[in-house]
C-alpha atoms as a PDB file:
ATOM      1  CA  MET A   1      -0.087  -0.049  -0.063  1.00  0.00           C
ATOM      2  CA  LYS A   2       2.787   2.399   0.857  1.00  0.00           C
ATOM      3  CA  GLN A   3       4.481   1.904  -2.512  1.00  0.00           C
ATOM      4  CA  GLY A   4       1.439   2.270  -4.166  1.00  0.00           C
ATOM      5  CA  VAL A   5       0.805   5.786  -2.288  1.00  0.00           C
ATOM      6  CA  LYS A   6       4.632   6.615  -3.613  1.00  0.00           C
ATOM      7  CA  ALA A   7       3.816   5.681  -7.268  1.00  0.00           C
ATOM      8  CA  VAL A   8       1.001   8.050  -7.219  1.00  0.00           C
ATOM      9  CA  VAL A   9       2.949  10.850  -5.870  1.00  0.00           C
ATOM     10  CA  ARG A  10       5.576  10.265  -8.165  1.00  0.00           C
ATOM     11  CA  ALA A  11       3.436  10.064 -11.282  1.00  0.00           C
ATOM     12  CA  ALA A  12       1.651  13.686  -9.780  1.00  0.00           C
ATOM     13  CA  ALA A  13       5.244  15.168  -9.642  1.00  0.00           C
ATOM     14  CA  ILE A  14       6.127  13.991 -13.485  1.00  0.00           C
ATOM     15  CA  LEU A  15       2.470  15.516 -14.707  1.00  0.00           C
ATOM     16  CA  LEU A  16       3.385  18.769 -12.438  1.00  0.00           C
ATOM     17  CA  ALA A  17       6.740  19.218 -14.404  1.00  0.00           C
ATOM     18  CA  LEU A  18       5.156  18.927 -17.418  1.00  0.00           C
ATOM     19  CA  ALA A  19       2.874  21.728 -16.804  1.00  0.00           C
ATOM     20  CA  VAL A  20       5.117  23.972 -15.224  1.00  0.00           C
ATOM     21  CA  PRO A  21       6.389  26.705 -17.728  1.00  0.00           C
ATOM     22  CA  ALA A  22       9.858  26.998 -17.965  1.00  0.00           C
ATOM     23  CA  CYS A  23      10.069  29.596 -20.980  1.00  0.00           C
ATOM     24  CA  TRP A  24      13.461  31.352 -19.064  1.00  0.00           C
ATOM     25  CA  ALA A  25      15.225  28.060 -18.727  1.00  0.00           C
ATOM     26  CA  GLN A  26      18.881  28.336 -19.978  1.00  0.00           C
ATOM     27  CA  ALA A  27      21.735  26.154 -20.742  1.00  0.00           C
ATOM     28  CA  VAL A  28      25.268  26.999 -19.103  1.00  0.00           C
ATOM     29  CA  ILE A  29      28.195  25.195 -20.114  1.00  0.00           C
ATOM     30  CA  SER A  30      30.151  25.221 -16.694  1.00  0.00           C
ATOM     31  CA  ALA A  31      33.765  26.213 -17.291  1.00  0.00           C
ATOM     32  CA  ARG A  32      34.695  25.062 -13.657  1.00  0.00           C
ATOM     33  CA  SER A  33      33.682  22.423 -11.049  1.00  0.00           C
ATOM     34  CA  GLY A  34      32.332  24.024  -7.830  1.00  0.00           C
ATOM     35  CA  LEU A  35      29.490  25.791  -7.982  1.00  0.00           C
ATOM     36  CA  VAL A  36      27.231  25.425  -5.099  1.00  0.00           C
ATOM     37  CA  ASN A  37      23.640  24.302  -6.031  1.00  0.00           C
ATOM     38  CA  PHE A  38      21.572  23.770  -2.951  1.00  0.00           C
ATOM     39  CA  VAL A  39      22.189  24.433   0.943  1.00  0.00           C
ATOM     40  CA  ALA A  40      20.081  23.619   3.935  1.00  0.00           C
ATOM     41  CA  GLY A  41      21.017  24.579   7.271  1.00  0.00           C
ATOM     42  CA  ASP A  42      24.331  25.857   8.190  1.00  0.00           C
ATOM     43  CA  VAL A  43      26.887  26.059   5.726  1.00  0.00           C
ATOM     44  CA  ARG A  44      30.145  27.737   5.299  1.00  0.00           C
ATOM     45  CA  LEU A  45      32.392  28.775   2.496  1.00  0.00           C
ATOM     46  CA  GLU A  46      35.891  30.024   3.979  1.00  0.00           C
ATOM     47  CA  ASP A  47      33.681  30.551   7.406  1.00  0.00           C
ATOM     48  CA  GLN A  48      31.234  32.705   5.481  1.00  0.00           C
ATOM     49  CA  PRO A  49      27.684  31.946   6.038  1.00  0.00           C
ATOM     50  CA  VAL A  50      26.359  30.490   2.397  1.00  0.00           C
ATOM     51  CA  LYS A  51      22.761  31.843   1.633  1.00  0.00           C
ATOM     52  CA  LEU A  52      21.443  31.033  -2.023  1.00  0.00           C
ATOM     53  CA  ASP A  53      19.268  33.565  -3.027  1.00  0.00           C
ATOM     54  CA  GLY A  54      18.189  32.520  -6.492  1.00  0.00           C
ATOM     55  CA  ALA A  55      20.375  34.525  -8.400  1.00  0.00           C
ATOM     56  CA  ILE A  56      23.700  34.197  -6.946  1.00  0.00           C
ATOM     57  CA  PHE A  57      25.396  30.542  -6.512  1.00  0.00           C
ATOM     58  CA  PRO A  58      29.081  30.955  -5.345  1.00  0.00           C
ATOM     59  CA  ASN A  59      31.801  28.629  -6.164  1.00  0.00           C
ATOM     60  CA  VAL A  60      34.308  27.039  -4.220  1.00  0.00           C
ATOM     61  CA  LYS A  61      37.571  28.235  -5.746  1.00  0.00           C
ATOM     62  CA  VAL A  62      40.747  26.276  -5.348  1.00  0.00           C
ATOM     63  CA  GLY A  63      41.994  26.021  -1.941  1.00  0.00           C
ATOM     64  CA  GLN A  64      38.728  27.289  -0.394  1.00  0.00           C
ATOM     65  CA  THR A  65      36.977  24.751   2.047  1.00  0.00           C
ATOM     66  CA  LEU A  66      32.997  24.415   2.020  1.00  0.00           C
ATOM     67  CA  SER A  67      31.890  23.324   5.485  1.00  0.00           C
ATOM     68  CA  THR A  68      28.464  22.419   7.197  1.00  0.00           C
ATOM     69  CA  GLY A  69      27.328  22.310  10.581  1.00  0.00           C
ATOM     70  CA  MET A  70      23.978  21.351  11.072  1.00  0.00           C
ATOM     71  CA  GLY A  71      23.170  21.436   7.379  1.00  0.00           C
ATOM     72  CA  HIS A  72      23.584  19.640   3.965  1.00  0.00           C
ATOM     73  CA  ALA A  73      25.057  21.032   0.925  1.00  0.00           C
ATOM     74  CA  GLU A  74      25.249  19.973  -3.021  1.00  0.00           C
ATOM     75  CA  VAL A  75      28.002  21.118  -5.170  1.00  0.00           C
ATOM     76  CA  LEU A  76      28.132  20.420  -8.936  1.00  0.00           C
ATOM     77  CA  LEU A  77      31.420  18.978 -10.387  1.00  0.00           C
ATOM     78  CA  THR A  78      31.756  18.399 -14.358  1.00  0.00           C
ATOM     79  CA  PRO A  79      28.285  18.158 -15.765  1.00  0.00           C
ATOM     80  CA  GLY A  80      26.384  15.240 -14.403  1.00  0.00           C
ATOM     81  CA  VAL A  81      28.507  14.617 -11.258  1.00  0.00           C
ATOM     82  CA  PHE A  82      27.191  15.918  -7.977  1.00  0.00           C
ATOM     83  CA  LEU A  83      29.252  16.075  -4.552  1.00  0.00           C
ATOM     84  CA  ARG A  84      26.550  16.081  -1.531  1.00  0.00           C
ATOM     85  CA  LEU A  85      27.980  16.614   2.163  1.00  0.00           C
ATOM     86  CA  ASP A  86      26.218  15.438   5.245  1.00  0.00           C
ATOM     87  CA  ARG A  87      26.181  17.184   8.489  1.00  0.00           C
ATOM     88  CA  ASN A  88      29.437  18.119  10.302  1.00  0.00           C
ATOM     89  CA  THR A  89      31.628  17.735   6.853  1.00  0.00           C
ATOM     90  CA  SER A  90      34.012  19.859   4.871  1.00  0.00           C
ATOM     91  CA  PHE A  91      35.781  19.546   1.569  1.00  0.00           C
ATOM     92  CA  ARG A  92      38.439  21.249   0.160  1.00  0.00           C
ATOM     93  CA  MET A  93      38.988  22.337  -3.481  1.00  0.00           C
ATOM     94  CA  VAL A  94      42.092  21.110  -5.022  1.00  0.00           C
ATOM     95  CA  SER A  95      41.520  21.536  -8.543  1.00  0.00           C
ATOM     96  CA  ASP A  96      38.211  22.803 -10.393  1.00  0.00           C
ATOM     97  CA  LYS A  97      39.280  22.175 -13.784  1.00  0.00           C
ATOM     98  CA  LEU A  98      36.850  19.881 -15.883  1.00  0.00           C
ATOM     99  CA  THR A  99      39.705  18.039 -17.020  1.00  0.00           C
ATOM    100  CA  ASP A 100      40.966  17.458 -13.964  1.00  0.00           C
ATOM    101  CA  THR A 101      38.813  18.039 -10.620  1.00  0.00           C
ATOM    102  CA  GLN A 102      40.036  16.988  -7.503  1.00  0.00           C
ATOM    103  CA  VAL A 103      38.482  17.275  -4.153  1.00  0.00           C
ATOM    104  CA  GLU A 104      39.616  16.346  -0.655  1.00  0.00           C
ATOM    105  CA  ILE A 105      36.922  15.144   1.984  1.00  0.00           C
ATOM    106  CA  LEU A 106      38.714  16.762   5.261  1.00  0.00           C
ATOM    107  CA  ARG A 107      36.168  15.362   7.873  1.00  0.00           C
ATOM    108  CA  GLY A 108      32.796  14.008   7.981  1.00  0.00           C
ATOM    109  CA  SER A 109      31.008  11.889   5.200  1.00  0.00           C
ATOM    110  CA  ALA A 110      30.320  12.891   1.392  1.00  0.00           C
ATOM    111  CA  MET A 111      28.842  11.269  -1.142  1.00  0.00           C
ATOM    112  CA  VAL A 112      29.809  11.676  -4.768  1.00  0.00           C
ATOM    113  CA  GLU A 113      26.920  10.605  -7.564  1.00  0.00           C
ATOM    114  CA  ALA A 114      28.386  10.413 -10.974  1.00  0.00           C
ATOM    115  CA  ASP A 115      25.942   9.905 -13.746  1.00  0.00           C
ATOM    116  CA  GLU A 116      27.747  10.829 -16.777  1.00  0.00           C
ATOM    117  CA  MET A 117      31.451  10.658 -17.089  1.00  0.00           C
ATOM    118  CA  LEU A 118      32.817  12.435 -20.269  1.00  0.00           C
ATOM    119  CA  LYS A 119      35.699  11.619 -22.027  1.00  0.00           C
ATOM    120  CA  ASP A 120      37.975  14.667 -21.373  1.00  0.00           C
ATOM    121  CA  ASN A 121      36.815  14.728 -17.737  1.00  0.00           C
ATOM    122  CA  ARG A 122      38.802  13.429 -14.735  1.00  0.00           C
ATOM    123  CA  ILE A 123      37.385  13.067 -11.448  1.00  0.00           C
ATOM    124  CA  ALA A 124      39.433  12.354  -8.189  1.00  0.00           C
ATOM    125  CA  VAL A 125      38.583  12.188  -4.585  1.00  0.00           C
ATOM    126  CA  LYS A 126      41.303  12.775  -1.746  1.00  0.00           C
ATOM    127  CA  LEU A 127      40.519  11.007   1.502  1.00  0.00           C
ATOM    128  CA  GLY A 128      43.692  11.115   4.144  1.00  0.00           C
ATOM    129  CA  ASP A 129      46.504   9.587   2.664  1.00  0.00           C
ATOM    130  CA  SER A 130      44.481   7.833  -0.374  1.00  0.00           C
ATOM    131  CA  ASP A 131      43.309   9.071  -3.722  1.00  0.00           C
ATOM    132  CA  THR A 132      40.224   7.454  -5.855  1.00  0.00           C
ATOM    133  CA  LEU A 133      39.840   8.206  -9.209  1.00  0.00           C
ATOM    134  CA  LEU A 134      36.376   7.791 -10.530  1.00  0.00           C
ATOM    135  CA  VAL A 135      36.417   5.076 -13.425  1.00  0.00           C
ATOM    136  CA  LYS A 136      32.801   4.747 -14.349  1.00  0.00           C
ATOM    137  CA  THR A 137      29.501   6.297 -13.464  1.00  0.00           C
ATOM    138  CA  GLY A 138      28.390   5.214  -9.885  1.00  0.00           C
ATOM    139  CA  LEU A 139      27.536   6.218  -6.421  1.00  0.00           C
ATOM    140  CA  TYR A 140      30.672   6.791  -4.039  1.00  0.00           C
ATOM    141  CA  HIS A 141      30.673   7.171  -0.419  1.00  0.00           C
ATOM    142  CA  PHE A 142      33.494   8.849   1.632  1.00  0.00           C
ATOM    143  CA  ASN A 143      33.759   8.908   5.534  1.00  0.00           C
ATOM    144  CA  ALA A 144      36.613  10.842   6.864  1.00  0.00           C
ATOM    145  CA  GLU A 145      36.266   9.437  10.170  1.00  0.00           C
ATOM    146  CA  ALA A 146      36.015   5.965   9.697  1.00  0.00           C
ATOM    147  CA  GLY A 147      38.661   6.104   6.784  1.00  0.00           C
ATOM    148  CA  GLN A 148      36.400   4.242   4.787  1.00  0.00           C
ATOM    149  CA  ILE A 149      35.515   4.261   0.686  1.00  0.00           C
ATOM    150  CA  ARG A 150      32.370   2.471  -0.280  1.00  0.00           C
ATOM    151  CA  THR A 151      31.067   1.875  -3.826  1.00  0.00           C
ATOM    152  CA  PHE A 152      27.367   1.387  -4.095  1.00  0.00           C
ATOM    153  CA  THR A 153      27.679   1.219  -8.312  1.00  0.00           C
ATOM    154  CA  GLY A 154      30.646   2.054 -10.093  1.00  0.00           C
ATOM    155  CA  LYS A 155      34.405   1.435 -10.355  1.00  0.00           C
ATOM    156  CA  ALA A 156      37.046   3.324  -8.849  1.00  0.00           C
ATOM    157  CA  GLN A 157      40.793   3.202  -8.567  1.00  0.00           C
ATOM    158  CA  VAL A 158      42.119   3.732  -4.976  1.00  0.00           C
ATOM    159  CA  SER A 159      45.894   4.406  -4.480  1.00  0.00           C
ATOM    160  CA  ASP A 160      47.898   5.608  -1.495  1.00  0.00           C
ATOM    161  CA  GLY A 161      51.289   5.837  -3.345  1.00  0.00           C
ATOM    162  CA  SER A 162      52.506   2.240  -2.595  1.00  0.00           C
ATOM    163  CA  ASN A 163      49.056   0.374  -3.055  1.00  0.00           C
ATOM    164  CA  SER A 164      46.480   0.275  -5.390  1.00  0.00           C
ATOM    165  CA  THR A 165      43.061  -1.391  -5.664  1.00  0.00           C
ATOM    166  CA  GLU A 166      40.180  -1.637  -7.797  1.00  0.00           C
ATOM    167  CA  LEU A 167      36.918  -0.726  -6.211  1.00  0.00           C
ATOM    168  CA  LYS A 168      33.588  -2.152  -7.782  1.00  0.00           C
ATOM    169  CA  GLY A 169      30.014  -1.731  -6.631  1.00  0.00           C
ATOM    170  CA  GLY A 170      29.027  -3.240  -3.413  1.00  0.00           C
ATOM    171  CA  ARG A 171      32.770  -3.036  -2.302  1.00  0.00           C
ATOM    172  CA  THR A 172      34.366  -1.107   0.603  1.00  0.00           C
ATOM    173  CA  LEU A 173      38.134  -0.388   2.276  1.00  0.00           C
ATOM    174  CA  LEU A 174      39.780   1.613   4.595  1.00  0.00           C
ATOM    175  CA  VAL A 175      42.247   3.553   3.908  1.00  0.00           C
ATOM    176  CA  GLY A 176      45.814   3.738   5.629  1.00  0.00           C
ATOM    177  CA  SER A 177      45.953  -0.147   5.573  1.00  0.00           C
ATOM    178  CA  SER A 178      46.817  -2.705   2.934  1.00  0.00           C
ATOM    179  CA  LEU A 179      43.638  -1.458   0.496  1.00  0.00           C
ATOM    180  CA  THR A 180      41.900  -4.889   0.453  1.00  0.00           C
ATOM    181  CA  ALA A 181      38.363  -4.415  -0.699  1.00  0.00           C
ATOM    182  CA  ASP A 182      35.791  -6.278   1.314  1.00  0.00           C
ATOM    183  CA  LYS A 183      32.045  -6.645   0.457  1.00  0.00           C
ATOM    184  CA  PHE A 184      29.200  -4.575   2.228  1.00  0.00           C
ATOM    185  CA  ASN A 185      25.389  -4.361   2.603  1.00  0.00           C
ATOM    186  CA  LYS A 186      24.184  -1.697   0.726  1.00  0.00           C
ATOM    187  CA  ASN A 187      20.540  -1.701   1.949  1.00  0.00           C
ATOM    188  CA  LYS A 188      22.035  -1.511   5.633  1.00  0.00           C
ATOM    189  CA  SER A 189      24.205   1.036   4.628  1.00  0.00           C
ATOM    190  CA  LYS A 190      21.724   3.629   3.100  1.00  0.00           C
ATOM    191  CA  ASP A 191      22.119   6.533   5.654  1.00  0.00           C
ATOM    192  CA  GLU A 192      20.876  10.068   6.291  1.00  0.00           C
ATOM    193  CA  LEU A 193      23.199  11.483   3.404  1.00  0.00           C
ATOM    194  CA  TYR A 194      21.771   8.574   0.867  1.00  0.00           C
ATOM    195  CA  ALA A 195      18.342   9.384   1.823  1.00  0.00           C
ATOM    196  CA  TRP A 196      18.595  13.370   1.345  1.00  0.00           C
ATOM    197  CA  SER A 197      20.733  12.866  -2.003  1.00  0.00           C
ATOM    198  CA  ALA A 198      17.794  10.601  -3.151  1.00  0.00           C
ATOM    199  CA  GLN A 199      15.283  13.330  -2.406  1.00  0.00           C
ATOM    200  CA  ARG A 200      17.335  15.865  -4.170  1.00  0.00           C
ATOM    201  CA  ASP A 201      17.600  13.645  -7.483  1.00  0.00           C
ATOM    202  CA  TYR A 202      13.822  13.620  -7.066  1.00  0.00           C
ATOM    203  CA  LEU A 203      13.781  17.070  -7.253  1.00  0.00           C
ATOM    204  CA  LEU A 204      16.494  17.754 -10.020  1.00  0.00           C
ATOM    205  CA  GLU A 205      14.768  15.298 -12.236  1.00  0.00           C
ATOM    206  CA  ARG A 206      11.529  17.228 -11.975  1.00  0.00           C
ATOM    207  CA  ALA A 207      13.599  20.144 -12.954  1.00  0.00           C
ATOM    208  CA  ASN A 208      15.052  18.746 -15.761  1.00  0.00           C
ATOM    209  CA  ILE A 209      12.391  17.404 -17.230  1.00  0.00           C
ATOM    210  CA  SER A 210      11.118  21.465 -17.212  1.00  0.00           C
ATOM    211  CA  SER A 211      14.278  22.499 -18.585  1.00  0.00           C
ATOM    212  CA  ALA A 212      14.835  19.963 -21.148  1.00  0.00           C
ATOM    213  CA  ARG A 213      11.317  20.768 -22.790  1.00  0.00           C
ATOM    214  CA  THR A 214      12.655  24.500 -23.589  1.00  0.00           C
ATOM    215  CA  GLN A 215      15.729  23.598 -25.456  1.00  0.00           C
ATOM    216  CA  ASN A 216      16.174  22.802 -29.176  1.00  0.00           C
ATOM    217  CA  SER A 217      14.724  19.383 -29.719  1.00  0.00           C
ATOM    218  CA  LYS A 218      17.785  18.910 -32.004  1.00  0.00           C
ATOM    219  CA  GLY A 219      20.094  18.275 -28.917  1.00  0.00           C
ATOM    220  CA  LEU A 220      22.826  19.719 -27.529  1.00  0.00           C
ATOM    221  CA  SER A 221      26.447  19.978 -28.356  1.00  0.00           C
ATOM    222  CA  ALA A 222      27.570  18.828 -25.055  1.00  0.00           C
ATOM    223  CA  SER A 223      26.005  17.857 -21.707  1.00  0.00           C
ATOM    224  CA  LEU A 224      25.635  20.679 -19.201  1.00  0.00           C
ATOM    225  CA  TRP A 225      24.247  22.582 -16.174  1.00  0.00           C
ATOM    226  CA  SER A 226      20.935  24.034 -16.708  1.00  0.00           C
ATOM    227  CA  TRP A 227      19.198  26.815 -14.788  1.00  0.00           C
ATOM    228  CA  ASN A 228      15.597  26.278 -14.235  1.00  0.00           C
ATOM    229  CA  PRO A 229      14.440  29.631 -12.341  1.00  0.00           C
ATOM    230  CA  GLY A 230      10.888  28.107 -11.776  1.00  0.00           C
ATOM    231  CA  PHE A 231      12.742  25.595  -9.515  1.00  0.00           C
ATOM    232  CA  GLY A 232      15.651  28.008  -8.222  1.00  0.00           C
ATOM    233  CA  MET A 233      18.270  25.345  -9.206  1.00  0.00           C
ATOM    234  CA  PHE A 234      20.788  24.076 -11.826  1.00  0.00           C
ATOM    235  CA  THR A 235      19.704  20.772 -13.142  1.00  0.00           C
ATOM    236  CA  PHE A 236      21.388  18.259 -15.674  1.00  0.00           C
ATOM    237  CA  LEU A 237      21.181  18.042 -18.984  1.00  0.00           C
ATOM    238  CA  PRO A 238      22.575  15.213 -21.072  1.00  0.00           C
ATOM    239  CA  SER A 239      23.602  16.208 -24.533  1.00  0.00           C
ATOM    240  CA  ALA A 240      21.619  12.763 -26.102  1.00  0.00           C
ATOM    241  CA  GLY A 241      19.020  10.126 -25.163  1.00  0.00           C
ATOM    242  CA  TYR A 242      18.361  10.133 -21.216  1.00  0.00           C
ATOM    243  CA  VAL A 243      20.763   9.391 -18.282  1.00  0.00           C
ATOM    244  CA  TYR A 244      19.891   7.096 -15.654  1.00  0.00           C
ATOM    245  CA  SER A 245      20.835   7.703 -11.949  1.00  0.00           C
ATOM    246  CA  PRO A 246      21.839   5.345  -9.056  1.00  0.00           C
ATOM    247  CA  PHE A 247      18.455   6.758  -7.078  1.00  0.00           C
ATOM    248  CA  GLY A 248      16.391   5.151 -10.001  1.00  0.00           C
ATOM    249  CA  MET A 249      15.831   8.669 -11.830  1.00  0.00           C
ATOM    250  CA  TYR A 250      16.183   9.623 -15.309  1.00  0.00           C
ATOM    251  CA  TRP A 251      17.885  12.754 -16.902  1.00  0.00           C
ATOM    252  CA  TYR A 252      16.181  13.505 -20.254  1.00  0.00           C
ATOM    253  CA  SER A 253      17.962  15.426 -22.934  1.00  0.00           C
ATOM    254  CA  PRO A 254      15.715  17.906 -25.165  1.00  0.00           C
ATOM    255  CA  ALA A 255      15.377  14.962 -27.806  1.00  0.00           C
ATOM    256  CA  SER A 256      14.203  12.162 -25.356  1.00  0.00           C
ATOM    257  CA  VAL A 257      12.180  14.346 -22.895  1.00  0.00           C
ATOM    258  CA  TRP A 258       9.277  13.722 -25.165  1.00  0.00           C
ATOM    259  CA  ILE A 259       9.225   9.954 -23.946  1.00  0.00           C
ATOM    260  CA  VAL A 260       7.517  11.175 -20.548  1.00  0.00           C
ATOM    261  CA  SER A 261       4.228  12.108 -21.965  1.00  0.00           C
ATOM    262  CA  GLN A 262       4.018   9.424 -24.690  1.00  0.00           C
ATOM    263  CA  PRO A 263       1.467   6.574 -24.273  1.00  0.00           C
ATOM    264  CA  VAL A 264       2.079   3.001 -23.271  1.00  0.00           C
ATOM    265  CA  GLY A 265       3.488   0.993 -25.706  1.00  0.00           C
ATOM    266  CA  TYR A 266       4.744   3.923 -27.946  1.00  0.00           C
ATOM    267  CA  GLY A 267       7.389   2.780 -29.936  1.00  0.00           C
ATOM    268  CA  GLY A 268      10.074   3.752 -32.322  1.00  0.00           C
ATOM    269  CA  TYR A 269      11.879   6.237 -30.306  1.00  0.00           C
ATOM    270  CA  GLY A 270      15.014   7.526 -32.324  1.00  0.00           C
ATOM    271  CA  GLY A 271      16.186  10.109 -29.893  1.00  0.00           C
ATOM    272  CA  ASN A 272      18.840  12.206 -30.651  1.00  0.00           C
ATOM    273  CA  GLY A 273      20.101  10.320 -33.723  1.00  0.00           C
ATOM    274  CA  GLY A 274      19.480   6.897 -32.001  1.00  0.00           C
ATOM    275  CA  GLY A 275      18.098   6.614 -28.769  1.00  0.00           C
ATOM    276  CA  PRO A 276      18.936   6.683 -25.088  1.00  0.00           C
ATOM    277  CA  ALA A 277      22.557   7.567 -23.714  1.00  0.00           C
ATOM    278  CA  GLY A 278      22.559   4.801 -20.989  1.00  0.00           C
ATOM    279  CA  ASN A 279      24.204   5.512 -17.711  1.00  0.00           C
ATOM    280  CA  THR A 280      27.772   5.838 -18.666  1.00  0.00           C
ATOM    281  CA  SER A 281      27.951   7.770 -21.649  1.00  0.00           C
ATOM    282  CA  ALA A 282      25.966  10.458 -24.082  1.00  0.00           C
ATOM    283  CA  SER A 283      26.434   7.994 -27.038  1.00  0.00           C
ATOM    284  CA  THR A 284      23.015   6.799 -28.461  1.00  0.00           C
ATOM    285  CA  SER A 285      21.240   3.328 -29.060  1.00  0.00           C
ATOM    286  CA  SER A 286      18.311   2.165 -30.147  1.00  0.00           C
ATOM    287  CA  VAL A 287      15.308   1.540 -27.853  1.00  0.00           C
ATOM    288  CA  GLY A 288      12.899   0.309 -29.915  1.00  0.00           C
ATOM    289  CA  ASN A 289       9.242   0.048 -28.034  1.00  0.00           C
ATOM    290  CA  THR A 290       9.459   2.517 -25.393  1.00  0.00           C
ATOM    291  CA  SER A 291       6.614   2.810 -22.781  1.00  0.00           C
ATOM    292  CA  THR A 292       5.541   6.077 -21.263  1.00  0.00           C
ATOM    293  CA  ARG A 293       7.622   7.724 -18.564  1.00  0.00           C
ATOM    294  CA  GLU A 294       4.394   8.902 -16.942  1.00  0.00           C
ATOM    295  CA  SER A 295       3.849   5.366 -16.130  1.00  0.00           C
ATOM    296  CA  THR A 296       7.453   4.009 -15.994  1.00  0.00           C
ATOM    297  CA  LEU A 297       8.449   6.865 -13.589  1.00  0.00           C
ATOM    298  CA  ALA A 298       5.405   6.425 -11.563  1.00  0.00           C
ATOM    299  CA  THR A 299       6.289   2.551 -10.592  1.00  0.00           C
ATOM    300  CA  ARG A 300       9.881   3.028  -9.959  1.00  0.00           C
ATOM    301  CA  SER A 301      10.162   3.187  -6.113  1.00  0.00           C
ATOM    302  CA  SER A 302      13.576   2.546  -5.561  1.00  0.00           C
ATOM    303  CA  ALA A 303      14.231   6.039  -4.300  1.00  0.00           C
ATOM    304  CA  GLY A 304      11.342   6.522  -1.998  1.00  0.00           C
ATOM    305  CA  SER A 305       9.821   9.782  -3.335  1.00  0.00           C
ATOM    306  CA  PRO A 306       9.092  12.348  -0.716  1.00  0.00           C
ATOM    307  CA  ALA A 307       5.811  13.541   0.098  1.00  0.00           C
ATOM    308  CA  MET A 308       4.256  16.332  -2.314  1.00  0.00           C
ATOM    309  CA  GLY A 309       4.135  18.492   0.891  1.00  0.00           C
ATOM    310  CA  SER A 310       7.526  18.193   1.494  1.00  0.00           C
ATOM    311  CA  SER A 311       8.978  19.499  -1.627  1.00  0.00           C
ATOM    312  CA  PRO A 312       8.825  23.178  -2.513  1.00  0.00           C
ATOM    313  CA  SER A 313       6.447  24.051  -5.511  1.00  0.00           C
ATOM    314  CA  PRO A 314       8.059  24.850  -8.621  1.00  0.00           C
ATOM    315  CA  SER A 315       5.576  27.518  -9.792  1.00  0.00           C
ATOM    316  CA  SER A 316       5.692  29.360  -6.422  1.00  0.00           C
ATOM    317  CA  GLY A 317       9.040  30.808  -7.284  1.00  0.00           C
ATOM    318  CA  MET A 318       8.297  31.710 -11.303  1.00  0.00           C
ATOM    319  CA  GLY A 319       7.184  34.901 -10.767  1.00  0.00           C
ATOM    320  CA  ALA A 320      10.063  35.983  -8.542  1.00  0.00           C
ATOM    321  CA  ALA A 321      12.628  34.485 -10.640  1.00  0.00           C
ATOM    322  CA  SER A 322      11.662  35.159 -13.748  1.00  0.00           C
ATOM    323  CA  ALA A 323      13.031  38.883 -14.289  1.00  0.00           C
ATOM    324  CA  GLY A 324      16.420  37.865 -13.286  1.00  0.00           C
ATOM    325  CA  ALA A 325      16.481  34.372 -15.023  1.00  0.00           C
ATOM    326  CA  ARG A 326      16.513  36.114 -18.531  1.00  0.00           C
ATOM    327  CA  SER A 327      19.900  37.468 -18.048  1.00  0.00           C
ATOM    328  CA  GLY A 328      20.756  34.007 -15.582  1.00  0.00           C
ATOM    329  CA  PRO A 329      22.173  33.658 -12.302  1.00  0.00           C
ATOM    330  CA  SER A 330      25.897  34.355 -11.517  1.00  0.00           C
ATOM    331  CA  GLY A 331      27.963  31.924 -10.253  1.00  0.00           C
ATOM    332  CA  HIS A 332      29.286  29.755 -13.682  1.00  0.00           C
ATOM    333  CA  ARG A 333      32.477  31.059 -14.865  1.00  0.00           C
END
C-alpha cells in the first residue's frame, strides 16, 4: 500500500513538472567544477555563511573549503557529477578544472553521484593519504572519520602511493591499511545522507524535465548544467538520449524528453540520432518499443520519493525568479 501511494505521488510530480512553464530555462556550460547548487541549514564557505538567493550561486574555488554544521550542501562538479555533504562535513577544492577535478574530504561524510563522465573529464577524491579516481559512473561514499570508501555502484581506482586497488560496486575498503576491498551490505548502508541525496535527485529530475522541454529538440553539443528559475536550481541536461541515476531517476536530453508524455506502448524512439544515452556516456542506441515515462517513472520506487507536501512548489518561485532569469544567475564562470 505504501509503495502504491509513492507511485501515485511520483506520477503526480512528473505531471506537475510537465505543466510548469519554464520559458526562461537556460543552458549553461560550466567552465569549472565547484558551484554550490543547494544548501540546507548551516553551511559555510571559508567560514562565511552561504545563503543562496536564487540569483547568486558561489563557486568553491581552488584552495577554498566548504563546511557544513547542522546542514547539508550540494556542489556541482563536471556536468552530471554531484558532490553532496552530510552534516558536520567539510571538503577542500584541490583542482576545479573539468579535465582535472580534485576534491579532498577533510572531515565528515560525503557522497559523489556520477551520472555521466565525459571522455575528457577526470574526477578524483582525496581522503587521508588515499586518492580515489572515479573510473565509471556510479555512487561513491567517503567517510573521513572512519577512513572508509564505499562504492554502491560503479568502479574506482584507490591508491595511497604504495598500493592500488580496484573498488567495484558493493565493495568497501579502509584507507591507511593494505587497501583490501571487502563486500558490504548496500541496504544497511543507506544512511541519512543517502536518503537526502535521493530526495535531491527526485527534485532535480523534475527540474530536468521542465528544462529539457524548453531547449531545441535537435539536442545539445555537449552535456551541461541548466538553470531552471521555476525550481530555483541548476539541473543536469545530457547531450543526447537519457541518463539513468543510481537513485532510479532519469536525466532527459531535449531530444528525449518527449518520452515522458507518450502513451504506453509507443515505439519507434530515435532520440537524438538514435536513442538513450545509457548511464555511462552520451552515446546513443536504439530503444525500440518504449513505454511512457509517466507510467514507468510512477512505478519506480527504489529512491523513495518524498511526499508532495515536503517539496517546494516549482510554480511558486516562477514570478520572483523570472525577472532575473533572463540574464541568468551568477556563479558559473
